[in-house]
């Protein structure tokens, strides 16, 4: 018997049946300002996703402690975030660009979501869409930074992304996003997220299944 024949029971995991429930999307945003444009953009994305048929939950990061696993892992906001990540089938991350990168609050939220909780993966195989807001000219530093993090978290990060320049000009007083090319791009991104979530949510374990990890479990 060859080596591959001995291992063949490990090489092809079972493909599950198709889900019929609404896609479950978690949205994170990276600012606690009273008029936070990353939050307004996240809320706009949530409205679009709900219109497209998703079940959406927006995590409020107020009160989330700075990452310190030894002291704060049992904090209620940490547990809430982790439970929402486990619940989700896809995620949207919306961050302001600060000093050419994502905000500290955005990074703290991502830091608190571990790669694994025992045998459970809170992010692996989930779809991810990336949004950013800027106070000045258009930039892609924040979305590019989050793309690296999404890859590290083993998420299926979609190709399309949105960067809203001079965000203070792009929202109405009530928080709704103005009709513009920027909003059109947000719709494009959410549409792509929904498509990839439908295509991959039932296959996520299959898509990220790794021989090296199966071998360790065995």
N, C-alpha and C. Protein backbone atom coordinates (compact mmCIF):
# COMPACT_ATOMS: atom_id res chain seq x y z
N UNK A 1 0.85 -1.20 0.00
CA UNK A 1 0.00 0.00 0.00
C UNK A 1 0.89 1.25 0.00
N UNK A 2 0.57 2.19 -0.87
CA UNK A 2 1.37 3.40 -0.96
C UNK A 2 1.04 4.36 0.18
N UNK A 3 1.93 5.34 0.34
CA UNK A 3 1.73 6.35 1.38
C UNK A 3 0.40 7.07 1.20
N UNK A 4 0.07 7.47 -0.05
CA UNK A 4 -1.18 8.17 -0.30
C UNK A 4 -2.38 7.28 -0.06
N UNK A 5 -2.27 6.01 -0.37
CA UNK A 5 -3.37 5.09 -0.11
C UNK A 5 -3.63 4.96 1.39
N UNK A 6 -2.59 4.97 2.17
CA UNK A 6 -2.74 4.90 3.62
C UNK A 6 -3.41 6.15 4.17
N UNK A 7 -3.18 7.29 3.50
CA UNK A 7 -3.70 8.56 4.00
C UNK A 7 -4.96 9.02 3.29
N UNK A 8 -5.51 8.24 2.35
CA UNK A 8 -6.59 8.73 1.51
C UNK A 8 -7.84 9.09 2.30
N UNK A 9 -8.08 8.43 3.44
CA UNK A 9 -9.25 8.76 4.24
C UNK A 9 -9.16 10.17 4.82
N UNK A 10 -7.97 10.76 4.81
CA UNK A 10 -7.77 12.11 5.32
C UNK A 10 -7.81 13.17 4.23
N UNK A 11 -7.80 12.78 2.97
CA UNK A 11 -7.57 13.74 1.89
C UNK A 11 -8.81 14.45 1.39
N UNK A 12 -10.00 13.89 1.57
CA UNK A 12 -11.21 14.51 1.04
C UNK A 12 -12.30 14.56 2.11
N UNK A 13 -12.44 15.67 2.83
CA UNK A 13 -13.49 15.77 3.84
C UNK A 13 -14.88 15.77 3.21
N UNK A 14 -15.88 15.45 4.01
CA UNK A 14 -17.25 15.37 3.54
C UNK A 14 -17.77 16.75 3.14
N UNK A 15 -18.41 16.85 1.99
CA UNK A 15 -19.02 18.10 1.54
C UNK A 15 -20.43 18.20 2.11
N UNK A 16 -20.76 19.25 2.86
CA UNK A 16 -22.07 19.34 3.52
C UNK A 16 -23.18 19.76 2.58
N UNK A 17 -24.42 19.65 3.06
CA UNK A 17 -25.59 20.10 2.31
C UNK A 17 -25.64 21.63 2.33
N UNK A 18 -26.41 22.20 1.39
CA UNK A 18 -26.53 23.65 1.27
C UNK A 18 -27.44 24.20 2.36
N UNK A 19 -27.02 25.31 2.98
CA UNK A 19 -27.84 25.99 3.99
C UNK A 19 -28.96 26.77 3.32
N UNK A 20 -30.06 26.97 4.06
CA UNK A 20 -31.19 27.73 3.54
C UNK A 20 -31.45 29.01 4.32
N UNK A 21 -30.77 29.22 5.45
CA UNK A 21 -30.99 30.42 6.25
C UNK A 21 -30.30 31.63 5.62
N UNK A 22 -30.67 32.82 6.09
CA UNK A 22 -30.04 34.04 5.59
C UNK A 22 -28.55 34.04 5.92
N UNK A 23 -27.71 34.56 5.03
CA UNK A 23 -26.28 34.71 5.36
C UNK A 23 -26.11 35.56 6.61
N UNK A 24 -25.26 35.11 7.52
CA UNK A 24 -25.05 35.81 8.80
C UNK A 24 -23.78 36.65 8.71
N UNK A 25 -23.96 37.96 8.77
CA UNK A 25 -22.84 38.89 8.57
C UNK A 25 -22.60 39.72 9.82
N UNK A 26 -21.38 39.70 10.32
CA UNK A 26 -20.94 40.54 11.44
C UNK A 26 -20.19 41.74 10.90
N UNK A 27 -20.51 42.93 11.43
CA UNK A 27 -19.84 44.15 10.99
C UNK A 27 -19.09 44.78 12.16
N UNK A 28 -17.82 45.09 11.94
CA UNK A 28 -16.98 45.77 12.93
C UNK A 28 -16.59 47.14 12.39
N UNK A 29 -16.52 48.14 13.27
CA UNK A 29 -16.06 49.46 12.87
C UNK A 29 -15.04 49.97 13.87
N UNK A 30 -14.26 50.98 13.45
CA UNK A 30 -13.05 51.30 14.20
C UNK A 30 -12.95 52.66 14.85
N UNK A 31 -14.08 53.24 15.26
CA UNK A 31 -14.01 54.56 15.90
C UNK A 31 -15.18 54.74 16.85
N UNK A 32 -14.93 55.42 17.98
CA UNK A 32 -15.96 55.69 18.97
C UNK A 32 -16.41 57.15 18.96
N UNK A 33 -15.99 57.91 17.97
CA UNK A 33 -16.43 59.31 17.88
C UNK A 33 -17.95 59.38 17.80
N UNK A 34 -18.50 60.49 18.32
CA UNK A 34 -19.95 60.65 18.29
C UNK A 34 -20.48 60.56 16.86
N UNK A 35 -19.81 61.23 15.93
CA UNK A 35 -20.14 61.10 14.51
C UNK A 35 -18.97 60.38 13.84
N UNK A 36 -18.95 59.09 14.02
CA UNK A 36 -17.89 58.24 13.49
C UNK A 36 -18.24 57.86 12.06
N UNK A 37 -17.38 58.24 11.13
CA UNK A 37 -17.67 57.94 9.73
C UNK A 37 -17.45 56.47 9.40
N UNK A 38 -16.54 55.82 10.11
CA UNK A 38 -16.39 54.38 9.91
C UNK A 38 -17.64 53.64 10.39
N UNK A 39 -18.27 54.15 11.46
CA UNK A 39 -19.53 53.56 11.93
C UNK A 39 -20.66 53.85 10.94
N UNK A 40 -20.74 55.09 10.46
CA UNK A 40 -21.78 55.43 9.49
C UNK A 40 -21.64 54.57 8.22
N UNK A 41 -20.40 54.36 7.80
CA UNK A 41 -20.17 53.51 6.63
C UNK A 41 -20.56 52.07 6.93
N UNK A 42 -20.25 51.61 8.15
CA UNK A 42 -20.63 50.26 8.55
C UNK A 42 -22.16 50.11 8.58
N UNK A 43 -22.84 51.12 9.10
CA UNK A 43 -24.30 51.06 9.15
C UNK A 43 -24.90 51.07 7.76
N UNK A 44 -24.32 51.85 6.86
CA UNK A 44 -24.80 51.86 5.47
C UNK A 44 -24.61 50.48 4.84
N UNK A 45 -23.45 49.89 5.07
CA UNK A 45 -23.21 48.55 4.56
C UNK A 45 -24.22 47.56 5.12
N UNK A 46 -24.54 47.72 6.41
CA UNK A 46 -25.52 46.83 7.04
C UNK A 46 -26.89 46.95 6.42
N UNK A 47 -27.31 48.19 6.12
CA UNK A 47 -28.62 48.38 5.48
C UNK A 47 -28.65 47.74 4.10
N UNK A 48 -27.57 47.90 3.36
CA UNK A 48 -27.49 47.31 2.02
C UNK A 48 -27.55 45.79 2.11
N UNK A 49 -26.81 45.22 3.04
CA UNK A 49 -26.79 43.76 3.21
C UNK A 49 -28.16 43.22 3.61
N UNK A 50 -28.84 43.93 4.51
CA UNK A 50 -30.17 43.48 4.91
C UNK A 50 -31.13 43.53 3.73
N UNK A 51 -31.02 44.57 2.91
CA UNK A 51 -31.85 44.67 1.71
C UNK A 51 -31.57 43.50 0.77
N UNK A 52 -30.32 43.05 0.74
CA UNK A 52 -29.94 41.92 -0.11
C UNK A 52 -30.30 40.57 0.48
N UNK A 53 -30.79 40.58 1.72
CA UNK A 53 -31.26 39.33 2.31
C UNK A 53 -30.41 38.75 3.42
N UNK A 54 -29.45 39.50 3.93
CA UNK A 54 -28.58 39.00 4.99
C UNK A 54 -29.16 39.28 6.37
N UNK A 55 -28.75 38.50 7.35
CA UNK A 55 -28.99 38.82 8.75
C UNK A 55 -27.71 39.49 9.26
N UNK A 56 -27.85 40.71 9.74
CA UNK A 56 -26.68 41.53 10.06
C UNK A 56 -26.65 41.85 11.55
N UNK A 57 -25.45 41.77 12.13
CA UNK A 57 -25.23 42.22 13.51
C UNK A 57 -24.03 43.16 13.52
N UNK A 58 -24.23 44.33 14.12
CA UNK A 58 -23.19 45.36 14.22
C UNK A 58 -22.65 45.34 15.64
N UNK A 59 -21.37 45.07 15.78
CA UNK A 59 -20.75 45.02 17.11
C UNK A 59 -20.36 46.42 17.56
N UNK A 60 -20.79 46.79 18.77
CA UNK A 60 -20.42 48.08 19.36
C UNK A 60 -19.18 47.87 20.21
N UNK A 61 -18.02 48.43 19.82
CA UNK A 61 -16.79 48.17 20.55
C UNK A 61 -16.60 49.01 21.82
N UNK A 62 -17.55 49.87 22.13
CA UNK A 62 -17.41 50.70 23.33
C UNK A 62 -17.31 49.81 24.56
N UNK A 63 -16.28 50.02 25.36
CA UNK A 63 -16.07 49.24 26.57
C UNK A 63 -15.16 48.04 26.38
N UNK A 64 -14.78 47.76 25.13
CA UNK A 64 -13.86 46.64 24.88
C UNK A 64 -12.49 47.01 25.42
N UNK A 65 -11.90 46.17 26.28
CA UNK A 65 -10.58 46.52 26.85
C UNK A 65 -9.47 46.35 25.82
N UNK A 66 -8.37 47.03 26.07
CA UNK A 66 -7.17 46.81 25.26
C UNK A 66 -6.77 45.35 25.36
N UNK A 67 -6.16 44.84 24.31
CA UNK A 67 -5.83 43.42 24.30
C UNK A 67 -4.83 43.10 25.41
N UNK A 68 -5.26 42.22 26.31
CA UNK A 68 -4.41 41.73 27.40
C UNK A 68 -5.01 40.40 27.83
N UNK A 69 -4.57 39.33 27.18
CA UNK A 69 -5.20 38.02 27.37
C UNK A 69 -5.20 37.59 28.83
N UNK A 70 -4.13 37.90 29.56
CA UNK A 70 -4.01 37.42 30.93
C UNK A 70 -5.05 38.03 31.86
N UNK A 71 -5.46 39.27 31.59
CA UNK A 71 -6.35 39.96 32.53
C UNK A 71 -7.78 40.13 32.05
N UNK A 72 -8.02 40.12 30.74
CA UNK A 72 -9.32 40.55 30.23
C UNK A 72 -10.05 39.53 29.37
N UNK A 73 -9.55 38.31 29.29
CA UNK A 73 -10.15 37.35 28.38
C UNK A 73 -11.59 37.02 28.73
N UNK A 74 -11.97 37.16 30.01
CA UNK A 74 -13.33 36.85 30.43
C UNK A 74 -14.25 38.08 30.42
N UNK A 75 -13.75 39.21 29.96
CA UNK A 75 -14.55 40.43 29.91
C UNK A 75 -15.78 40.22 29.02
N UNK A 76 -16.91 40.80 29.43
CA UNK A 76 -18.17 40.58 28.71
C UNK A 76 -18.10 41.04 27.26
N UNK A 77 -17.39 42.15 26.99
CA UNK A 77 -17.29 42.63 25.61
C UNK A 77 -16.42 41.72 24.75
N UNK A 78 -15.42 41.11 25.36
CA UNK A 78 -14.58 40.16 24.65
C UNK A 78 -15.40 38.92 24.29
N UNK A 79 -16.15 38.42 25.27
CA UNK A 79 -16.96 37.23 25.02
C UNK A 79 -18.04 37.51 23.97
N UNK A 80 -18.64 38.70 24.03
CA UNK A 80 -19.64 39.07 23.03
C UNK A 80 -19.05 39.06 21.62
N UNK A 81 -17.87 39.66 21.48
CA UNK A 81 -17.21 39.73 20.17
C UNK A 81 -16.90 38.33 19.64
N UNK A 82 -16.39 37.48 20.50
CA UNK A 82 -16.03 36.12 20.06
C UNK A 82 -17.26 35.32 19.68
N UNK A 83 -18.33 35.47 20.44
CA UNK A 83 -19.57 34.75 20.12
C UNK A 83 -20.14 35.22 18.78
N UNK A 84 -20.07 36.53 18.52
CA UNK A 84 -20.56 37.05 17.25
C UNK A 84 -19.70 36.55 16.09
N UNK A 85 -18.40 36.45 16.30
CA UNK A 85 -17.53 35.94 15.25
C UNK A 85 -17.84 34.48 14.94
N UNK A 86 -18.10 33.70 15.98
CA UNK A 86 -18.48 32.30 15.78
C UNK A 86 -19.82 32.19 15.06
N UNK A 87 -20.74 33.10 15.38
CA UNK A 87 -22.07 33.12 14.75
C UNK A 87 -21.98 33.45 13.27
N UNK A 88 -21.04 34.30 12.90
CA UNK A 88 -20.99 34.86 11.55
C UNK A 88 -20.56 33.83 10.50
N UNK A 89 -21.02 34.08 9.29
CA UNK A 89 -20.54 33.35 8.10
C UNK A 89 -19.71 34.28 7.21
N UNK A 90 -19.86 35.56 7.42
CA UNK A 90 -19.08 36.57 6.72
C UNK A 90 -18.94 37.79 7.62
N UNK A 91 -17.96 38.62 7.32
CA UNK A 91 -17.73 39.82 8.14
C UNK A 91 -17.42 41.02 7.24
N UNK A 92 -17.69 42.21 7.79
CA UNK A 92 -17.30 43.47 7.17
C UNK A 92 -16.49 44.24 8.20
N UNK A 93 -15.31 44.71 7.81
CA UNK A 93 -14.49 45.54 8.69
C UNK A 93 -14.41 46.94 8.09
N UNK A 94 -14.76 47.94 8.90
CA UNK A 94 -14.76 49.33 8.45
C UNK A 94 -13.90 50.16 9.39
N UNK A 95 -12.81 50.69 8.87
CA UNK A 95 -11.86 51.43 9.72
C UNK A 95 -11.54 52.80 9.15
N UNK A 96 -11.33 53.78 10.04
CA UNK A 96 -10.73 55.03 9.56
C UNK A 96 -9.25 54.79 9.29
N UNK A 97 -8.66 55.63 8.44
CA UNK A 97 -7.22 55.58 8.27
C UNK A 97 -6.59 56.61 9.20
N UNK A 98 -5.72 56.15 10.08
CA UNK A 98 -5.03 57.02 11.03
C UNK A 98 -3.53 56.79 10.90
N UNK A 99 -2.79 57.85 10.61
CA UNK A 99 -1.34 57.75 10.44
C UNK A 99 -0.98 56.64 9.45
N UNK A 100 -1.76 56.55 8.38
CA UNK A 100 -1.45 55.60 7.32
C UNK A 100 -1.77 54.16 7.63
N UNK A 101 -2.61 53.92 8.64
CA UNK A 101 -2.93 52.54 9.00
C UNK A 101 -4.34 52.49 9.57
N UNK A 102 -4.75 51.31 10.05
CA UNK A 102 -6.05 51.18 10.69
C UNK A 102 -6.00 51.77 12.09
N UNK A 103 -7.15 52.01 12.67
CA UNK A 103 -7.19 52.57 14.02
C UNK A 103 -6.80 51.51 15.05
N UNK A 104 -6.35 51.99 16.21
CA UNK A 104 -6.02 51.07 17.31
C UNK A 104 -7.23 50.27 17.75
N UNK A 105 -8.40 50.91 17.74
CA UNK A 105 -9.63 50.22 18.15
C UNK A 105 -9.95 49.08 17.19
N UNK A 106 -9.75 49.30 15.90
CA UNK A 106 -10.00 48.24 14.92
C UNK A 106 -9.05 47.06 15.16
N UNK A 107 -7.78 47.38 15.38
CA UNK A 107 -6.80 46.32 15.62
C UNK A 107 -7.09 45.58 16.92
N UNK A 108 -7.55 46.30 17.94
CA UNK A 108 -7.89 45.65 19.21
C UNK A 108 -9.00 44.62 19.02
N UNK A 109 -10.01 44.99 18.24
CA UNK A 109 -11.10 44.03 18.01
C UNK A 109 -10.59 42.77 17.32
N UNK A 110 -9.75 42.96 16.32
CA UNK A 110 -9.22 41.81 15.59
C UNK A 110 -8.30 40.99 16.49
N UNK A 111 -7.51 41.66 17.33
CA UNK A 111 -6.62 40.94 18.24
C UNK A 111 -7.40 40.05 19.21
N UNK A 112 -8.59 40.49 19.60
CA UNK A 112 -9.38 39.72 20.57
C UNK A 112 -10.06 38.51 19.95
N UNK A 113 -10.05 38.39 18.62
CA UNK A 113 -10.63 37.21 17.98
C UNK A 113 -9.49 36.23 17.71
N UNK A 114 -9.41 35.13 18.43
CA UNK A 114 -8.28 34.22 18.26
C UNK A 114 -8.40 33.37 17.00
N UNK A 115 -7.29 32.80 16.59
CA UNK A 115 -7.31 31.88 15.45
C UNK A 115 -8.07 30.61 15.79
N UNK A 116 -8.05 30.21 17.05
CA UNK A 116 -8.77 29.00 17.44
C UNK A 116 -9.24 29.11 18.89
N UNK A 117 -10.38 28.49 19.16
CA UNK A 117 -10.90 28.31 20.51
C UNK A 117 -11.09 26.81 20.69
N UNK A 118 -10.03 26.15 21.16
CA UNK A 118 -10.06 24.70 21.18
C UNK A 118 -10.02 24.19 19.75
N UNK A 119 -11.03 23.42 19.38
CA UNK A 119 -11.11 22.88 18.01
C UNK A 119 -11.93 23.77 17.09
N UNK A 120 -12.41 24.92 17.59
CA UNK A 120 -13.29 25.80 16.83
C UNK A 120 -12.49 26.98 16.29
N UNK A 121 -12.74 27.36 15.02
CA UNK A 121 -12.05 28.48 14.39
C UNK A 121 -13.03 29.65 14.24
N UNK A 122 -12.86 30.73 14.99
CA UNK A 122 -13.82 31.84 14.94
C UNK A 122 -13.81 32.65 13.64
N UNK A 123 -12.75 32.55 12.84
CA UNK A 123 -12.68 33.33 11.60
C UNK A 123 -12.40 32.47 10.37
N UNK A 124 -11.79 31.32 10.54
CA UNK A 124 -11.33 30.54 9.40
C UNK A 124 -12.47 30.17 8.46
N UNK A 125 -12.27 30.46 7.17
CA UNK A 125 -13.25 30.10 6.16
C UNK A 125 -14.40 31.08 5.98
N UNK A 126 -14.47 32.10 6.82
CA UNK A 126 -15.53 33.09 6.68
C UNK A 126 -15.14 34.13 5.62
N UNK A 127 -16.13 34.66 4.94
CA UNK A 127 -15.86 35.71 3.96
C UNK A 127 -15.61 37.03 4.68
N UNK A 128 -14.92 37.94 4.00
CA UNK A 128 -14.57 39.23 4.59
C UNK A 128 -14.57 40.31 3.53
N UNK A 129 -15.22 41.43 3.83
CA UNK A 129 -15.18 42.62 2.98
C UNK A 129 -14.56 43.76 3.77
N UNK A 130 -13.81 44.63 3.09
CA UNK A 130 -13.04 45.68 3.74
C UNK A 130 -13.47 47.07 3.26
N UNK A 131 -13.66 47.97 4.24
CA UNK A 131 -14.05 49.35 3.97
C UNK A 131 -13.16 50.28 4.77
N UNK A 132 -12.90 51.48 4.22
CA UNK A 132 -12.19 52.47 5.01
C UNK A 132 -12.72 53.86 4.70
N UNK A 133 -12.54 54.76 5.65
CA UNK A 133 -12.87 56.17 5.44
C UNK A 133 -11.61 56.98 5.68
N UNK A 134 -11.49 58.08 4.92
CA UNK A 134 -10.35 58.98 5.06
C UNK A 134 -10.85 60.41 5.20
N UNK A 135 -10.10 61.23 5.93
CA UNK A 135 -10.47 62.62 6.09
C UNK A 135 -10.03 63.48 4.91
N UNK A 136 -9.06 62.97 4.15
CA UNK A 136 -8.54 63.72 3.01
C UNK A 136 -8.70 62.95 1.73
N UNK A 137 -7.65 62.96 0.91
CA UNK A 137 -7.71 62.31 -0.40
C UNK A 137 -7.80 60.79 -0.24
N UNK A 138 -8.21 60.14 -1.31
CA UNK A 138 -8.42 58.70 -1.26
C UNK A 138 -7.11 57.96 -1.04
N UNK A 139 -7.18 57.00 -0.17
CA UNK A 139 -6.02 56.17 0.15
C UNK A 139 -6.51 54.74 0.36
N UNK A 140 -5.58 53.79 0.30
CA UNK A 140 -5.95 52.38 0.48
C UNK A 140 -5.09 51.72 1.55
N UNK A 141 -4.45 52.53 2.40
CA UNK A 141 -3.57 51.97 3.42
C UNK A 141 -4.34 51.11 4.42
N UNK A 142 -5.50 51.58 4.85
CA UNK A 142 -6.26 50.85 5.87
C UNK A 142 -6.80 49.53 5.31
N UNK A 143 -7.41 49.58 4.12
CA UNK A 143 -7.94 48.33 3.56
C UNK A 143 -6.81 47.35 3.24
N UNK A 144 -5.68 47.85 2.79
CA UNK A 144 -4.56 46.96 2.52
C UNK A 144 -4.04 46.32 3.80
N UNK A 145 -3.99 47.11 4.88
CA UNK A 145 -3.57 46.56 6.16
C UNK A 145 -4.53 45.50 6.67
N UNK A 146 -5.83 45.77 6.52
CA UNK A 146 -6.83 44.79 6.97
C UNK A 146 -6.81 43.54 6.11
N UNK A 147 -6.44 43.70 4.85
CA UNK A 147 -6.35 42.53 3.96
C UNK A 147 -5.28 41.56 4.46
N UNK A 148 -4.16 42.09 4.93
CA UNK A 148 -3.12 41.25 5.52
C UNK A 148 -3.65 40.52 6.74
N UNK A 149 -4.38 41.24 7.59
CA UNK A 149 -4.94 40.63 8.79
C UNK A 149 -5.96 39.56 8.44
N UNK A 150 -6.82 39.83 7.44
CA UNK A 150 -7.80 38.84 7.03
C UNK A 150 -7.15 37.57 6.53
N UNK A 151 -6.09 37.72 5.77
CA UNK A 151 -5.36 36.54 5.30
C UNK A 151 -4.77 35.76 6.47
N UNK A 152 -4.22 36.50 7.43
CA UNK A 152 -3.63 35.86 8.61
C UNK A 152 -4.69 35.12 9.42
N UNK A 153 -5.92 35.64 9.43
CA UNK A 153 -7.03 35.01 10.16
C UNK A 153 -7.68 33.90 9.33
N UNK A 154 -7.10 33.59 8.18
CA UNK A 154 -7.57 32.53 7.30
C UNK A 154 -9.00 32.80 6.81
N UNK A 155 -9.27 34.04 6.49
CA UNK A 155 -10.58 34.41 5.99
C UNK A 155 -10.54 34.51 4.46
N UNK A 156 -11.70 34.34 3.84
CA UNK A 156 -11.82 34.45 2.39
C UNK A 156 -12.11 35.92 2.08
N UNK A 157 -11.05 36.70 1.91
CA UNK A 157 -11.17 38.14 1.74
C UNK A 157 -11.46 38.46 0.28
N UNK A 158 -12.62 39.05 0.02
CA UNK A 158 -13.02 39.28 -1.36
C UNK A 158 -12.11 40.33 -2.01
N UNK A 159 -12.06 40.30 -3.32
CA UNK A 159 -11.15 41.18 -4.07
C UNK A 159 -11.60 42.63 -4.00
N UNK A 160 -12.89 42.89 -4.17
CA UNK A 160 -13.38 44.27 -4.19
C UNK A 160 -13.28 44.90 -2.80
N UNK A 161 -13.12 46.21 -2.74
CA UNK A 161 -13.02 46.93 -1.48
C UNK A 161 -13.45 48.37 -1.70
N UNK A 162 -13.70 49.08 -0.59
CA UNK A 162 -14.17 50.47 -0.70
C UNK A 162 -13.34 51.39 0.16
N UNK A 163 -12.92 52.51 -0.42
CA UNK A 163 -12.21 53.55 0.29
C UNK A 163 -12.93 54.87 0.02
N UNK A 164 -13.48 55.48 1.06
CA UNK A 164 -14.26 56.70 0.92
C UNK A 164 -13.41 57.90 1.32
N UNK A 165 -13.08 58.74 0.36
CA UNK A 165 -12.28 59.93 0.62
C UNK A 165 -13.16 61.07 1.14
N UNK A 166 -12.56 61.98 1.94
CA UNK A 166 -13.29 63.11 2.50
C UNK A 166 -14.67 62.67 3.00
N UNK A 167 -14.65 61.70 3.89
CA UNK A 167 -15.89 61.05 4.32
C UNK A 167 -16.89 62.03 4.94
N UNK A 168 -16.40 63.12 5.49
CA UNK A 168 -17.28 64.11 6.10
C UNK A 168 -18.23 64.75 5.09
N UNK A 169 -17.92 64.60 3.79
CA UNK A 169 -18.78 65.14 2.75
C UNK A 169 -19.79 64.12 2.22
N UNK A 170 -19.66 62.87 2.62
CA UNK A 170 -20.38 61.79 1.95
C UNK A 170 -21.60 61.27 2.70
N UNK A 171 -21.95 61.90 3.84
CA UNK A 171 -23.08 61.43 4.63
C UNK A 171 -24.04 62.56 4.94
N UNK A 172 -25.33 62.23 4.91
CA UNK A 172 -26.35 63.20 5.29
C UNK A 172 -26.34 63.40 6.81
N UNK A 173 -27.07 64.42 7.27
CA UNK A 173 -27.12 64.70 8.70
C UNK A 173 -27.68 63.51 9.48
N UNK A 174 -28.60 62.76 8.88
CA UNK A 174 -29.21 61.61 9.56
C UNK A 174 -28.33 60.36 9.49
N UNK A 175 -27.15 60.47 8.89
CA UNK A 175 -26.23 59.34 8.84
C UNK A 175 -26.31 58.51 7.58
N UNK A 176 -27.31 58.75 6.75
CA UNK A 176 -27.41 58.00 5.50
C UNK A 176 -26.32 58.47 4.53
N UNK A 177 -25.83 57.55 3.72
CA UNK A 177 -24.79 57.90 2.77
C UNK A 177 -25.41 58.54 1.53
N UNK A 178 -24.78 59.61 1.05
CA UNK A 178 -25.27 60.31 -0.13
C UNK A 178 -25.07 59.44 -1.38
N UNK A 179 -25.94 59.64 -2.35
CA UNK A 179 -25.76 58.97 -3.64
C UNK A 179 -24.48 59.51 -4.29
N UNK A 180 -23.60 58.60 -4.66
CA UNK A 180 -22.32 59.00 -5.25
C UNK A 180 -21.63 57.76 -5.79
N UNK A 181 -20.51 57.97 -6.46
CA UNK A 181 -19.70 56.84 -6.92
C UNK A 181 -19.16 56.05 -5.74
N UNK A 182 -18.92 56.75 -4.61
CA UNK A 182 -18.44 56.05 -3.42
C UNK A 182 -19.49 55.06 -2.90
N UNK A 183 -20.76 55.52 -2.87
CA UNK A 183 -21.81 54.62 -2.40
C UNK A 183 -22.01 53.46 -3.39
N UNK A 184 -21.92 53.77 -4.67
CA UNK A 184 -22.05 52.70 -5.67
C UNK A 184 -21.00 51.61 -5.42
N UNK A 185 -19.79 52.02 -5.07
CA UNK A 185 -18.74 51.05 -4.80
C UNK A 185 -19.08 50.22 -3.56
N UNK A 186 -19.64 50.84 -2.53
CA UNK A 186 -20.03 50.10 -1.34
C UNK A 186 -21.06 49.03 -1.70
N UNK A 187 -22.03 49.40 -2.54
CA UNK A 187 -23.03 48.42 -2.99
C UNK A 187 -22.34 47.28 -3.74
N UNK A 188 -21.40 47.62 -4.62
CA UNK A 188 -20.65 46.59 -5.35
C UNK A 188 -19.97 45.62 -4.39
N UNK A 189 -19.33 46.18 -3.36
CA UNK A 189 -18.58 45.35 -2.40
C UNK A 189 -19.52 44.43 -1.63
N UNK A 190 -20.65 44.96 -1.18
CA UNK A 190 -21.60 44.14 -0.42
C UNK A 190 -22.22 43.07 -1.30
N UNK A 191 -22.46 43.40 -2.55
CA UNK A 191 -23.00 42.43 -3.50
C UNK A 191 -22.00 41.27 -3.68
N UNK A 192 -20.73 41.61 -3.82
CA UNK A 192 -19.71 40.58 -3.98
C UNK A 192 -19.57 39.75 -2.71
N UNK A 193 -19.66 40.40 -1.55
CA UNK A 193 -19.59 39.67 -0.29
C UNK A 193 -20.72 38.65 -0.19
N UNK A 194 -21.93 39.06 -0.54
CA UNK A 194 -23.07 38.15 -0.49
C UNK A 194 -22.86 36.96 -1.43
N UNK A 195 -22.38 37.23 -2.62
CA UNK A 195 -22.16 36.15 -3.58
C UNK A 195 -21.16 35.13 -3.05
N UNK A 196 -20.03 35.63 -2.55
CA UNK A 196 -19.01 34.73 -2.05
C UNK A 196 -19.46 34.01 -0.78
N UNK A 197 -20.27 34.66 0.02
CA UNK A 197 -20.78 34.00 1.22
C UNK A 197 -21.71 32.85 0.85
N UNK A 198 -22.61 33.09 -0.09
CA UNK A 198 -23.48 32.02 -0.58
C UNK A 198 -22.66 30.86 -1.15
N UNK A 199 -21.62 31.19 -1.91
CA UNK A 199 -20.83 30.17 -2.58
C UNK A 199 -19.97 29.35 -1.63
N UNK A 200 -19.51 29.97 -0.54
CA UNK A 200 -18.49 29.32 0.29
C UNK A 200 -18.94 28.91 1.68
N UNK A 201 -20.05 29.43 2.19
CA UNK A 201 -20.36 29.20 3.61
C UNK A 201 -20.53 27.72 3.95
N UNK A 202 -21.08 26.95 3.03
CA UNK A 202 -21.25 25.52 3.29
C UNK A 202 -20.01 24.71 2.94
N UNK A 203 -19.06 25.35 2.29
CA UNK A 203 -17.84 24.67 1.88
C UNK A 203 -16.62 25.19 2.65
N UNK A 204 -16.83 26.07 3.63
CA UNK A 204 -15.69 26.73 4.27
C UNK A 204 -14.74 25.74 4.93
N UNK A 205 -15.28 24.74 5.60
CA UNK A 205 -14.41 23.75 6.23
C UNK A 205 -13.63 22.96 5.18
N UNK A 206 -14.29 22.68 4.09
CA UNK A 206 -13.64 21.96 2.98
C UNK A 206 -12.53 22.81 2.36
N UNK A 207 -12.80 24.10 2.18
CA UNK A 207 -11.85 24.97 1.50
C UNK A 207 -10.59 25.22 2.31
N UNK A 208 -10.71 25.26 3.63
CA UNK A 208 -9.54 25.57 4.46
C UNK A 208 -8.99 24.33 5.17
N UNK A 209 -9.53 23.16 4.85
CA UNK A 209 -9.06 21.92 5.46
C UNK A 209 -7.60 21.67 5.10
N UNK A 210 -6.78 21.36 6.10
CA UNK A 210 -5.35 21.20 5.88
C UNK A 210 -4.87 19.82 6.32
N UNK A 211 -4.11 19.22 5.45
CA UNK A 211 -3.57 17.89 5.75
C UNK A 211 -2.75 17.90 7.03
N UNK A 212 -1.90 18.91 7.21
CA UNK A 212 -1.01 18.96 8.37
C UNK A 212 -1.80 18.98 9.67
N UNK A 213 -2.96 19.66 9.66
CA UNK A 213 -3.77 19.73 10.87
C UNK A 213 -4.54 18.44 11.09
N UNK A 214 -5.00 17.80 10.02
CA UNK A 214 -5.67 16.51 10.17
C UNK A 214 -4.69 15.46 10.70
N UNK A 215 -3.46 15.57 10.24
CA UNK A 215 -2.45 14.62 10.68
C UNK A 215 -2.17 14.76 12.18
N UNK A 216 -2.17 16.00 12.66
CA UNK A 216 -1.94 16.24 14.09
C UNK A 216 -3.09 15.66 14.91
N UNK A 217 -4.34 15.88 14.45
CA UNK A 217 -5.51 15.37 15.16
C UNK A 217 -5.47 13.85 15.22
N UNK A 218 -5.10 13.24 14.10
CA UNK A 218 -5.00 11.78 14.04
C UNK A 218 -3.97 11.29 15.06
